Amino acid sequence: MPLDGTLPGSALAELPERSFSVYLHVPFCRSRCGYCDFNTYTASELRGMSTGDYLTAALREIDLAARVLGGGTPEVDTVFVGGGTPTMLPAGELSRLLDAVRERFGLVRDAEITTEANPETVTPEYLRRLREAGFTRISLGMQSAVPHVLEVLERAHTPGRGIDAARWARQAGFEHVSLDLIFGTPGESRTDWEKSLEAVAAAPVDHVSAYSLIVEQGTRLAMRVRRGEVPMPDDDELAEKYLMTEQHLTALGFSNYETSNWARGQAARCRHNLAYWRGGNWWGIGPGAHSHIGGVRFWNRKHPRSYAAVLADGHTPAQGREVLSLEDRRVERVMLELRLAEGLPLGVLTETESARVEGIVAEGLGVVSEGRLSLTLRGRLLADGVVLRLLD
């Protein structure tokens, strides 16, 4: 990666052709959850680096992004603040980050501005200040409504705190409120998962993300599984819980628009994530953040101290990049767009791949309508296998 962050002219030439998004990674957590392998750090791991130091560095990267991309960049369509725990920052600091994006790039009139939040880190007043700053959407990491499941996940909040936070967000005027749930935690019964789904009905939310737990190597949870302290999630039980999720959320008026995401109406769909799945352009600000501009993917240094140091020297924090070939981009399009309910245009497939579609449809894994291949409910359960089978 050039020290000044320069991108190829061919990548910059694509900027006006697609929407443009900004991701802001806040790498702080009060404690590390046992299942988490995200790029996050507790205070003891930062050796004195403050949230103010992070803010200074992130603002410098926003300036750098504006210089690199130049005047042809579209106004920002979506901003997503993720982590870590973004709401460990004071509301005023999140507001400053958003203001910097607005000043450097501009925001479209109906921009979607999202922050993730852990329920225990927000209050009604905090949420009111975020809404006044321009945030329109919040994604609350509830994960479960069952105490012993939260304990295994090492989550700090009580079961009812996620519901309370959703109510406070609505009262503060957030247009869209989402709950993040995890199924398949060791020791979680079908009844436990049903209780978490029932909690959705009590919350004023219009979006739910429900992910199957992946036991990542190197996490405390993986060590507990290896020692035999807790059981590894069973694939058949995970499939059953996914089917329970589809049935329950559909009954509540949600519809699945991506394999792990459900929304009440099209307006409630997460536009930022849709930009990822549709191959859009975005710049990722912050330690370890990834970006994609016109077929060039690049990623930042992971540790906040290293990230801040190179920006202080006037250099890009990007540690490496790859220029995707047309075939790389086509394959990624197949992998990502098949996850969407709208499906994949058949014209993206090669001749030999197109010949395999008939078999996928015959086995009840997909349907073809108006020139697009989309997965059935059974196909969603086997999505990765369907993609591998389809691609050359």
Foldseek 3Di string as FASTA:
>chain_A
DPFLPADDPLLLVCQVVFAEAAEEEDQEDCDDWQQDPDLHDHPVRQVPDDVVLQLVLLLLVLVSVLVRNDDSHAAHQEYEYEYDAPLVDQLVSVLVNVVSSCVSRNYPPPHAYEYEHELVSDDLVRLLSNVVSPHQEYEYELAFLDVVLCVLRVRDDHSCSSQVSLVSNVVSPRNAYEYEYEPQRFPQDLVRLVRRLVVVVSHPHFKYFYYYRDRDPPGNSVVCCVVVVTDGGDLVVSLVSLVVNQVSVVVVQWDDFFLGMTGNDPVRDDVVVVCVLQVHFYYYGGAQTWTDGRQKIWTFHSRSVQSSVSSVVVTHRTPDMDRHDPVNVLLSNQLRQLRGQVAAQLVSADPVLNVCLVVCVVVQQWDDDPRGIYGDSVVSSVVVVVSVVRHD
